[in-house]
Amino acid sequence: MISALLFWIIVGLIAGALAKWAMPGPDPGGILVTIIIGIVGAVLGGGLLSLLGIGGGAGSGGWIFSIVAGFIGAVILLAIYRMVANRTV
């Protein structure tokens, strides 16, 4: 369990950096918030994939698929974060 969580945190760091590269522009929280969003997106994406029985995890060596899943989760969360943070009331 702990090794899988550490795996997804590492994947999240990579996915967060890739998400920032794919979605350039000013973020309300800066690079640190983007990295945290990447980690959360990867952990959520990895958990969802595990529930669905798809993809690789810490023990199966599915790094590329895991990074892609984390990247997708990070981009989705980053887009949601930007919409919420930039909303004017």
Protein backbone atom coordinates (compact mmCIF):
# COMPACT_ATOMS: atom_id res chain seq x y z
CA MET A 1 0.00 0.00 0.00
CA ILE A 2 2.71 2.46 0.99
CA SER A 3 4.88 1.52 -1.98
CA ALA A 4 1.95 2.08 -4.35
CA LEU A 5 1.30 5.51 -2.80
CA LEU A 6 4.97 6.46 -3.14
CA PHE A 7 4.88 5.24 -6.74
CA TRP A 8 1.90 7.47 -7.53
CA ILE A 9 3.54 10.45 -5.81
CA ILE A 10 6.61 10.04 -8.03
CA VAL A 11 4.39 9.61 -11.08
CA GLY A 12 2.45 12.69 -9.93
CA LEU A 13 5.60 14.79 -9.86
CA ILE A 14 6.32 13.80 -13.45
CA ALA A 15 2.67 14.19 -14.48
CA GLY A 16 2.43 17.61 -12.81
CA ALA A 17 5.47 18.85 -14.70
CA LEU A 18 4.07 17.49 -17.98
CA ALA A 19 0.66 19.05 -17.26
CA LYS A 20 2.28 22.42 -16.65
CA TRP A 21 4.16 22.06 -19.92
CA ALA A 22 0.97 21.10 -21.78
CA MET A 23 -1.10 23.89 -20.23
CA PRO A 24 1.21 26.91 -20.08
CA GLY A 25 0.11 30.15 -18.59
CA PRO A 26 -0.18 31.77 -15.22
CA ASP A 27 -1.52 29.57 -12.47
CA PRO A 28 -3.13 31.18 -9.45
CA GLY A 29 -0.96 29.14 -7.08
CA GLY A 30 2.30 28.86 -8.97
CA ILE A 31 4.44 25.83 -9.71
CA LEU A 32 4.15 24.34 -6.20
CA VAL A 33 0.35 24.16 -6.44
CA THR A 34 0.67 22.70 -9.95
CA ILE A 35 2.96 19.96 -8.64
CA ILE A 36 0.55 19.20 -5.79
CA ILE A 37 -2.32 19.06 -8.30
CA GLY A 38 -0.22 16.67 -10.39
CA ILE A 39 0.35 14.40 -7.40
CA VAL A 40 -3.35 14.43 -6.47
CA GLY A 41 -4.36 13.82 -10.08
CA ALA A 42 -1.98 10.90 -10.38
CA VAL A 43 -3.09 9.35 -7.09
CA LEU A 44 -6.75 9.72 -8.05
CA GLY A 45 -6.09 8.46 -11.57
CA GLY A 46 -4.10 5.52 -10.25
CA GLY A 47 -6.80 4.67 -7.74
CA LEU A 48 -9.44 4.82 -10.43
CA LEU A 49 -7.37 2.59 -12.72
CA SER A 50 -6.84 0.11 -9.90
CA LEU A 51 -10.57 -0.01 -9.22
CA LEU A 52 -11.20 -0.65 -12.90
CA GLY A 53 -8.44 -3.27 -13.04
CA ILE A 54 -6.63 -1.41 -15.81
CA GLY A 55 -3.02 -0.40 -16.16
CA GLY A 56 0.12 -0.83 -14.18
CA GLY A 57 0.94 -0.04 -10.65
CA ALA A 58 3.98 -0.04 -8.45
CA GLY A 59 4.61 -3.75 -8.85
CA SER A 60 3.73 -4.33 -12.48
CA GLY A 61 6.17 -1.91 -14.10
CA GLY A 62 3.57 0.03 -16.07
CA TRP A 63 5.44 3.31 -15.88
CA ILE A 64 4.44 4.76 -19.22
CA PHE A 65 0.76 3.91 -18.87
CA SER A 66 0.82 5.21 -15.30
CA ILE A 67 2.43 8.50 -16.32
CA VAL A 68 -0.16 8.92 -19.08
CA ALA A 69 -2.98 8.25 -16.59
CA GLY A 70 -1.43 10.63 -14.07
CA PHE A 71 -0.94 13.25 -16.77
CA ILE A 72 -4.60 13.03 -17.79
CA GLY A 73 -5.70 13.30 -14.15
CA ALA A 74 -3.36 16.23 -13.56
CA VAL A 75 -4.54 18.11 -16.67
CA ILE A 76 -8.19 17.61 -15.67
CA LEU A 77 -7.56 18.80 -12.11
CA LEU A 78 -5.44 21.73 -13.32
CA ALA A 79 -8.21 22.82 -15.71
CA ILE A 80 -10.80 22.57 -12.92
CA TYR A 81 -8.51 24.47 -10.55
CA ARG A 82 -7.99 27.26 -13.08
CA MET A 83 -11.74 27.57 -13.69
CA VAL A 84 -12.50 27.73 -9.97
CA ALA A 85 -9.60 30.01 -9.04
CA ASN A 86 -10.18 32.46 -11.90
CA ARG A 87 -13.93 32.69 -11.44
CA THR A 88 -15.13 36.20 -10.83
CA VAL A 89 -18.20 36.65 -8.69
